[in-house]
Amino acid sequence: MTQRRTPSGQGPSRRPGPGASRVRTVGAVGTTRLQQRAAMRNKARPALSRRTGAVGPGTTKRTVAPRPRALTGRATVLIVVFVALALAYTYPLRVYLAQESQIAQLEADQARQRQVIEQKSQDLEKWKDPEYVRAQAREKLFYVRPGETALMVMTNPNGAAQQSGRNGPAAAPDRWYDTLWSSVQAADSESPN
């Protein structure tokens, strides 16, 4: 048998060996040391918190173990360190993400500018061809070659109708609310008889 000091500092207690029974009797009365301690604790407690029931040599009494604290000191310090690290990394992470989006935007703008430059260089190559320049001068500036007759088509529906002796296109009918309002104004302007 080995002696061991209890965590509460109440002195040595004997640990039973492998073949010993758990219930030991101490003294002639037949009560165990554990039962004696429980009886002393029950005396110290108020009457409402004591459990009812007999504690005898064959019965065991349940005791409530104290609940451990939710957060220990180490856990609190660890949580504070994690929160501090998270707060410390929040701003640089936000700056990093903003810079990444800005880089992506600039790369998209650069790709668009490359397309515009490619289109402009193709247009420049077209303007180096003398036939393309002549075609553009005929189309946009109405140039003609010597010996050709220029013919211009004017599209004016009112002028064409006047020359043919007919009236121009009919005017679009008024909107319904304009018609209603003009009838209200006409009714208001009439004098009573």
Protein backbone atom coordinates (compact mmCIF):
# COMPACT_ATOMS: atom_id res chain seq x y z
CA MET A 1 0.00 0.00 0.00
CA THR A 2 1.24 3.41 -0.92
CA GLN A 3 0.41 6.57 0.91
CA ARG A 4 -0.61 9.60 -1.00
CA ARG A 5 -1.42 13.13 -0.01
CA THR A 6 -4.88 14.34 -1.03
CA PRO A 7 -5.20 17.48 -3.16
CA SER A 8 -6.98 19.30 -0.37
CA GLY A 9 -4.01 18.86 1.92
CA GLN A 10 -5.84 16.81 4.54
CA GLY A 11 -3.04 14.38 5.10
CA PRO A 12 -2.07 11.01 3.70
CA SER A 13 -4.63 8.56 2.48
CA ARG A 14 -4.10 4.95 1.64
CA ARG A 15 -4.52 3.72 -1.83
CA PRO A 16 -5.93 0.26 -2.07
CA GLY A 17 -3.85 -2.35 -3.79
CA PRO A 18 -5.06 -4.41 -6.72
CA GLY A 19 -6.73 -7.07 -4.59
CA ALA A 20 -8.24 -4.79 -1.94
CA SER A 21 -11.88 -3.86 -1.93
CA ARG A 22 -12.97 -0.29 -2.36
CA VAL A 23 -14.92 -0.08 0.86
CA ARG A 24 -12.57 -0.10 3.82
CA THR A 25 -13.66 -0.09 7.33
CA VAL A 26 -11.83 2.03 9.81
CA GLY A 27 -12.65 1.52 13.40
CA ALA A 28 -15.04 -0.83 15.11
CA VAL A 29 -18.21 0.94 14.00
CA GLY A 30 -17.75 -0.07 10.37
CA THR A 31 -17.86 3.31 8.67
CA THR A 32 -15.41 4.25 6.00
CA ARG A 33 -13.25 7.31 6.04
CA LEU A 34 -15.05 8.58 2.95
CA GLN A 35 -18.39 8.31 4.69
CA GLN A 36 -17.00 10.12 7.71
CA ARG A 37 -15.85 13.02 5.50
CA ALA A 38 -19.23 13.16 3.77
CA ALA A 39 -20.96 13.30 7.14
CA MET A 40 -18.69 16.15 8.24
CA ARG A 41 -19.45 18.05 5.03
CA ASN A 42 -23.16 17.55 5.45
CA LYS A 43 -22.99 19.05 8.90
CA ALA A 44 -21.30 22.15 7.51
CA ARG A 45 -23.94 22.64 4.79
CA PRO A 46 -27.29 24.27 5.42
CA ALA A 47 -30.25 21.93 5.78
CA LEU A 48 -31.79 22.77 2.38
CA SER A 49 -28.74 21.80 0.41
CA ARG A 50 -28.23 18.42 2.10
CA ARG A 51 -29.35 15.37 0.28
CA THR A 52 -31.84 13.17 1.92
CA GLY A 53 -31.16 9.49 2.20
CA ALA A 54 -29.38 7.17 4.49
CA VAL A 55 -25.73 6.55 4.06
CA GLY A 56 -24.99 3.08 5.20
CA PRO A 57 -22.21 0.59 4.74
CA GLY A 58 -23.72 -0.81 1.52
CA THR A 59 -24.80 2.44 -0.14
CA THR A 60 -22.76 5.12 -1.77
CA LYS A 61 -23.60 8.76 -1.79
CA ARG A 62 -23.28 10.87 -4.91
CA THR A 63 -21.40 14.06 -4.59
CA VAL A 64 -21.48 16.94 -7.01
CA ALA A 65 -18.11 17.81 -8.44
CA PRO A 66 -17.40 21.50 -8.75
CA ARG A 67 -17.76 22.71 -12.33
CA PRO A 68 -14.57 24.01 -13.85
CA ARG A 69 -14.52 27.66 -14.81
CA ALA A 70 -15.57 28.40 -18.37
CA LEU A 71 -12.43 30.33 -19.25
CA THR A 72 -9.12 29.85 -17.59
CA GLY A 73 -6.48 32.53 -17.45
CA ARG A 74 -4.49 30.93 -20.25
CA ALA A 75 -7.55 30.67 -22.48
CA THR A 76 -8.39 34.34 -21.86
CA VAL A 77 -4.84 35.43 -22.73
CA LEU A 78 -4.88 33.24 -25.84
CA ILE A 79 -8.19 34.72 -26.99
CA VAL A 80 -6.91 38.26 -26.41
CA VAL A 81 -3.76 37.47 -28.44
CA PHE A 82 -5.83 36.03 -31.31
CA VAL A 83 -8.13 39.06 -31.34
CA ALA A 84 -5.14 41.41 -31.31
CA LEU A 85 -3.53 39.51 -34.20
CA ALA A 86 -6.78 39.52 -36.16
CA LEU A 87 -7.14 43.27 -35.67
CA ALA A 88 -3.50 43.83 -36.58
CA TYR A 89 -3.87 41.88 -39.86
CA THR A 90 -7.22 43.38 -40.86
CA TYR A 91 -5.89 46.68 -42.25
CA PRO A 92 -2.97 45.21 -44.26
CA LEU A 93 -5.29 42.55 -45.66
CA ARG A 94 -7.81 45.20 -46.72
CA VAL A 95 -5.03 47.24 -48.37
CA TYR A 96 -3.76 44.11 -50.13
CA LEU A 97 -7.21 43.25 -51.49
CA ALA A 98 -7.76 46.84 -52.63
CA GLN A 99 -4.42 46.81 -54.44
CA GLU A 100 -5.26 43.48 -56.09
CA SER A 101 -8.55 44.85 -57.41
CA GLN A 102 -6.79 48.01 -58.60
CA ILE A 103 -4.17 45.94 -60.42
CA ALA A 104 -6.91 43.88 -62.08
CA GLN A 105 -8.68 47.08 -63.16
CA LEU A 106 -5.46 48.55 -64.58
CA GLU A 107 -4.73 45.34 -66.49
CA ALA A 108 -8.23 45.42 -68.00
CA ASP A 109 -7.74 49.07 -68.99
CA GLN A 110 -4.38 48.21 -70.51
CA ALA A 111 -5.91 45.38 -72.55
CA ARG A 112 -8.61 47.77 -73.83
CA GLN A 113 -5.95 50.32 -74.79
CA ARG A 114 -4.01 47.64 -76.67
CA GLN A 115 -7.14 46.80 -78.66
CA VAL A 116 -7.65 50.49 -79.48
CA ILE A 117 -4.01 50.80 -80.56
CA GLU A 118 -4.35 47.70 -82.74
CA GLN A 119 -7.50 49.12 -84.36
CA LYS A 120 -5.82 52.50 -84.97
CA SER A 121 -2.76 50.85 -86.52
CA GLN A 122 -5.03 48.87 -88.87
CA ASP A 123 -6.81 52.12 -89.85
CA LEU A 124 -3.43 53.76 -90.45
CA GLU A 125 -2.41 50.90 -92.75
CA LYS A 126 -5.64 51.46 -94.73
CA TRP A 127 -4.90 55.16 -95.14
CA LYS A 128 -1.50 54.35 -96.63
CA ASP A 129 -3.29 52.75 -99.62
CA PRO A 130 -4.00 55.44 -102.31
CA GLU A 131 -7.19 53.70 -103.51
CA TYR A 132 -8.67 53.78 -100.00
CA VAL A 133 -7.88 57.52 -99.77
CA ARG A 134 -9.66 58.16 -103.12
CA ALA A 135 -12.71 56.15 -102.01
CA GLN A 136 -12.93 58.07 -98.75
CA ALA A 137 -12.57 61.41 -100.58
CA ARG A 138 -15.45 60.48 -102.95
CA GLU A 139 -17.68 59.29 -100.13
CA LYS A 140 -17.09 61.93 -97.47
CA LEU A 141 -15.89 65.00 -99.42
CA PHE A 142 -17.85 64.34 -102.66
CA TYR A 143 -14.74 64.56 -104.85
CA VAL A 144 -15.02 63.43 -108.46
CA ARG A 145 -12.41 62.56 -111.06
CA PRO A 146 -11.95 64.75 -114.07
CA GLY A 147 -14.59 63.98 -116.68
CA GLU A 148 -17.15 62.58 -114.17
CA THR A 149 -20.43 64.33 -113.38
CA ALA A 150 -21.32 64.74 -109.72
CA LEU A 151 -24.86 63.79 -108.80
CA MET A 152 -26.20 64.66 -105.35
CA VAL A 153 -29.46 63.29 -104.02
CA MET A 154 -31.22 65.54 -101.54
CA THR A 155 -33.75 63.94 -99.29
CA ASN A 156 -36.29 66.52 -98.13
CA PRO A 157 -39.87 65.14 -97.98
CA ASN A 158 -41.48 68.60 -97.62
CA GLY A 159 -39.57 70.05 -100.56
CA ALA A 160 -40.40 67.07 -102.79
CA ALA A 161 -44.09 67.32 -101.89
CA GLN A 162 -44.20 71.05 -102.66
CA GLN A 163 -42.58 70.53 -106.03
CA SER A 164 -45.04 67.79 -106.94
CA GLY A 165 -48.02 69.96 -105.95
CA ARG A 166 -49.11 67.90 -103.00
CA ASN A 167 -49.13 68.79 -99.38
CA GLY A 168 -46.44 67.53 -97.08
CA PRO A 169 -47.00 64.62 -94.77
CA ALA A 170 -49.98 65.00 -92.45
CA ALA A 171 -49.26 66.31 -88.99
CA ALA A 172 -49.34 63.78 -86.20
CA PRO A 173 -52.55 63.90 -84.14
CA ASP A 174 -52.36 65.60 -80.78
CA ARG A 175 -51.98 63.54 -77.69
CA TRP A 176 -55.24 62.81 -75.85
CA TYR A 177 -54.36 64.85 -72.82
CA ASP A 178 -53.50 67.87 -75.01
CA THR A 179 -56.93 67.56 -76.67
CA LEU A 180 -58.64 67.28 -73.28
CA TRP A 181 -56.82 70.30 -71.88
CA SER A 182 -57.58 72.45 -74.95
CA SER A 183 -61.29 71.56 -74.62
CA VAL A 184 -61.21 72.57 -70.93
CA GLN A 185 -59.57 75.87 -71.85
CA ALA A 186 -62.14 76.49 -74.62
CA ALA A 187 -65.02 75.78 -72.23
CA ASP A 188 -63.53 78.14 -69.67
CA SER A 189 -63.09 80.96 -72.16
CA GLU A 190 -66.74 80.92 -73.31
CA SER A 191 -68.87 83.57 -71.70
CA PRO A 192 -72.20 82.54 -70.11
CA ASN A 193 -75.41 83.83 -71.84
